[in-house]
Amino acid sequence: MKVEITPRGNNCFRIKIFEEDFTLGNILQRAIEKSEKVEGVGVVETHPLEKAITLQVYLKEGANIEEILREGAKRARLELEKIKKAIQKSLGEINEDRILSQVR
């Protein structure tokens, strides 16, 4: 995975992530926008023929983009872990139901 981070003026950064699509972009957007130090964040597909997404992040005065991205990545990872556990629990319940129905 290749990532380019480009300053775009006062407190604005463009983060381009290659070989990814809206799935990751939306997860990162939700995670980054939870920071109180972020004014706004949006995600766009770079170009239909280029497999890449771009996040535009607007920071509040004094915020640090490195800190924001690290915190956002951590939030995204934790959210994905919650989803993974919920899926595993649901699959376990399905398997228990199958076993019980076979026993009857």
C-alpha atoms as a PDB file:
ATOM      1  CA  MET A   1       0.000   0.000   0.000  1.00  0.00           C
ATOM      2  CA  LYS A   2       1.317   3.398  -0.955  1.00  0.00           C
ATOM      3  CA  VAL A   3       0.185   6.600   0.788  1.00  0.00           C
ATOM      4  CA  GLU A   4       0.911  10.202  -0.197  1.00  0.00           C
ATOM      5  CA  ILE A   5       0.235  13.044   2.255  1.00  0.00           C
ATOM      6  CA  THR A   6       0.187  16.517   0.726  1.00  0.00           C
ATOM      7  CA  PRO A   7      -0.360  19.829   2.529  1.00  0.00           C
ATOM      8  CA  ARG A   8      -3.121  21.805   0.783  1.00  0.00           C
ATOM      9  CA  GLY A   9      -2.925  25.150   2.542  1.00  0.00           C
ATOM     10  CA  ASN A  10      -3.728  26.260   6.067  1.00  0.00           C
ATOM     11  CA  ASN A  11      -4.593  23.228   8.186  1.00  0.00           C
ATOM     12  CA  CYS A  12      -5.677  21.156   5.171  1.00  0.00           C
ATOM     13  CA  PHE A  13      -4.111  17.896   4.009  1.00  0.00           C
ATOM     14  CA  ARG A  14      -4.814  15.521   1.157  1.00  0.00           C
ATOM     15  CA  ILE A  15      -4.137  11.848   1.864  1.00  0.00           C
ATOM     16  CA  LYS A  16      -4.052   9.664  -1.229  1.00  0.00           C
ATOM     17  CA  ILE A  17      -4.153   5.912  -0.660  1.00  0.00           C
ATOM     18  CA  PHE A  18      -3.316   3.716  -3.655  1.00  0.00           C
ATOM     19  CA  GLU A  19      -4.818   0.292  -4.358  1.00  0.00           C
ATOM     20  CA  GLU A  20      -7.801   0.959  -2.073  1.00  0.00           C
ATOM     21  CA  ASP A  21     -11.426   1.930  -2.555  1.00  0.00           C
ATOM     22  CA  PHE A  22     -14.328   3.551  -0.736  1.00  0.00           C
ATOM     23  CA  THR A  23     -14.556   0.705   1.776  1.00  0.00           C
ATOM     24  CA  LEU A  24     -11.347   1.719   3.525  1.00  0.00           C
ATOM     25  CA  GLY A  25     -11.958   5.392   2.784  1.00  0.00           C
ATOM     26  CA  ASN A  26     -15.297   5.418   4.576  1.00  0.00           C
ATOM     27  CA  ILE A  27     -13.890   3.568   7.591  1.00  0.00           C
ATOM     28  CA  LEU A  28     -11.012   6.043   7.881  1.00  0.00           C
ATOM     29  CA  GLN A  29     -13.302   9.025   7.355  1.00  0.00           C
ATOM     30  CA  ARG A  30     -15.570   7.963  10.230  1.00  0.00           C
ATOM     31  CA  ALA A  31     -12.576   7.311  12.481  1.00  0.00           C
ATOM     32  CA  ILE A  32     -10.795  10.587  11.708  1.00  0.00           C
ATOM     33  CA  GLU A  33     -13.878  12.791  11.981  1.00  0.00           C
ATOM     34  CA  LYS A  34     -14.389  11.663  15.604  1.00  0.00           C
ATOM     35  CA  SER A  35     -11.400  13.746  16.658  1.00  0.00           C
ATOM     36  CA  GLU A  36     -12.226  17.065  18.287  1.00  0.00           C
ATOM     37  CA  LYS A  37      -9.176  18.477  16.489  1.00  0.00           C
ATOM     38  CA  VAL A  38     -10.682  17.866  13.047  1.00  0.00           C
ATOM     39  CA  GLU A  39     -12.805  20.504  11.358  1.00  0.00           C
ATOM     40  CA  GLY A  40     -13.934  18.163   8.584  1.00  0.00           C
ATOM     41  CA  VAL A  41     -12.953  15.205   6.432  1.00  0.00           C
ATOM     42  CA  GLY A  42     -14.177  13.895   3.106  1.00  0.00           C
ATOM     43  CA  VAL A  43     -13.324  10.980   0.867  1.00  0.00           C
ATOM     44  CA  VAL A  44     -13.417  10.898  -2.927  1.00  0.00           C
ATOM     45  CA  GLU A  45     -12.490   8.400  -5.578  1.00  0.00           C
ATOM     46  CA  THR A  46      -9.446   9.792  -7.362  1.00  0.00           C
ATOM     47  CA  HIS A  47     -10.342   8.710 -10.911  1.00  0.00           C
ATOM     48  CA  PRO A  48     -12.397   5.776 -12.264  1.00  0.00           C
ATOM     49  CA  LEU A  49      -9.353   4.317 -14.029  1.00  0.00           C
ATOM     50  CA  GLU A  50      -7.020   4.769 -11.061  1.00  0.00           C
ATOM     51  CA  LYS A  51      -7.488   2.463  -8.090  1.00  0.00           C
ATOM     52  CA  ALA A  52      -6.992   5.010  -5.324  1.00  0.00           C
ATOM     53  CA  ILE A  53      -8.954   7.130  -2.878  1.00  0.00           C
ATOM     54  CA  THR A  54      -8.279  10.569  -1.501  1.00  0.00           C
ATOM     55  CA  LEU A  55      -9.159  11.877   1.936  1.00  0.00           C
ATOM     56  CA  GLN A  56      -9.185  15.635   2.416  1.00  0.00           C
ATOM     57  CA  VAL A  57      -8.697  16.479   6.096  1.00  0.00           C
ATOM     58  CA  TYR A  58      -9.291  19.945   7.555  1.00  0.00           C
ATOM     59  CA  LEU A  59      -7.710  20.438  10.978  1.00  0.00           C
ATOM     60  CA  LYS A  60      -8.491  22.924  13.685  1.00  0.00           C
ATOM     61  CA  GLU A  61      -5.774  25.442  14.506  1.00  0.00           C
ATOM     62  CA  GLY A  62      -2.782  23.846  16.258  1.00  0.00           C
ATOM     63  CA  ALA A  63      -3.702  20.234  15.401  1.00  0.00           C
ATOM     64  CA  ASN A  64      -1.017  17.856  14.121  1.00  0.00           C
ATOM     65  CA  ILE A  65      -1.805  15.717  11.051  1.00  0.00           C
ATOM     66  CA  GLU A  66       0.479  12.874  12.174  1.00  0.00           C
ATOM     67  CA  GLU A  67      -1.305  12.643  15.523  1.00  0.00           C
ATOM     68  CA  ILE A  68      -4.729  12.809  13.848  1.00  0.00           C
ATOM     69  CA  LEU A  69      -3.875  10.012  11.384  1.00  0.00           C
ATOM     70  CA  ARG A  70      -2.394   7.777  14.094  1.00  0.00           C
ATOM     71  CA  GLU A  71      -5.477   8.242  16.300  1.00  0.00           C
ATOM     72  CA  GLY A  72      -7.779   7.693  13.324  1.00  0.00           C
ATOM     73  CA  ALA A  73      -6.021   4.473  12.320  1.00  0.00           C
ATOM     74  CA  LYS A  74      -6.239   3.233  15.907  1.00  0.00           C
ATOM     75  CA  ARG A  75      -9.984   4.019  16.071  1.00  0.00           C
ATOM     76  CA  ALA A  76     -10.544   2.261  12.749  1.00  0.00           C
ATOM     77  CA  ARG A  77      -8.664  -0.832  13.949  1.00  0.00           C
ATOM     78  CA  LEU A  78     -10.695  -0.964  17.166  1.00  0.00           C
ATOM     79  CA  GLU A  79     -13.954  -0.622  15.229  1.00  0.00           C
ATOM     80  CA  LEU A  80     -12.960  -3.450  12.900  1.00  0.00           C
ATOM     81  CA  GLU A  81     -12.093  -5.613  15.918  1.00  0.00           C
ATOM     82  CA  LYS A  82     -15.621  -5.006  17.299  1.00  0.00           C
ATOM     83  CA  ILE A  83     -17.114  -6.048  13.976  1.00  0.00           C
ATOM     84  CA  LYS A  84     -14.925  -9.154  13.864  1.00  0.00           C
ATOM     85  CA  LYS A  85     -16.023 -10.195  17.368  1.00  0.00           C
ATOM     86  CA  ALA A  86     -19.691  -9.616  16.536  1.00  0.00           C
ATOM     87  CA  ILE A  87     -19.355 -11.766  13.401  1.00  0.00           C
ATOM     88  CA  GLN A  88     -17.588 -14.529  15.323  1.00  0.00           C
ATOM     89  CA  LYS A  89     -20.300 -14.460  17.991  1.00  0.00           C
ATOM     90  CA  SER A  90     -23.030 -14.634  15.369  1.00  0.00           C
ATOM     91  CA  LEU A  91     -21.308 -17.524  13.580  1.00  0.00           C
ATOM     92  CA  GLY A  92     -20.934 -19.328  16.902  1.00  0.00           C
ATOM     93  CA  GLU A  93     -24.656 -18.955  17.539  1.00  0.00           C
ATOM     94  CA  ILE A  94     -25.454 -20.276  14.051  1.00  0.00           C
ATOM     95  CA  ASN A  95     -23.189 -23.296  14.610  1.00  0.00           C
ATOM     96  CA  GLU A  96     -24.785 -23.962  18.028  1.00  0.00           C
ATOM     97  CA  ASP A  97     -28.239 -23.904  16.425  1.00  0.00           C
ATOM     98  CA  ARG A  98     -27.087 -26.390  13.756  1.00  0.00           C
ATOM     99  CA  ILE A  99     -25.640 -28.734  16.364  1.00  0.00           C
ATOM    100  CA  LEU A 100     -28.803 -28.574  18.479  1.00  0.00           C
ATOM    101  CA  SER A 101     -31.028 -29.248  15.465  1.00  0.00           C
ATOM    102  CA  GLN A 102     -28.928 -32.298  14.544  1.00  0.00           C
ATOM    103  CA  VAL A 103     -29.174 -33.685  18.082  1.00  0.00           C
ATOM    104  CA  ARG A 104     -32.982 -33.523  18.110  1.00  0.00           C
END
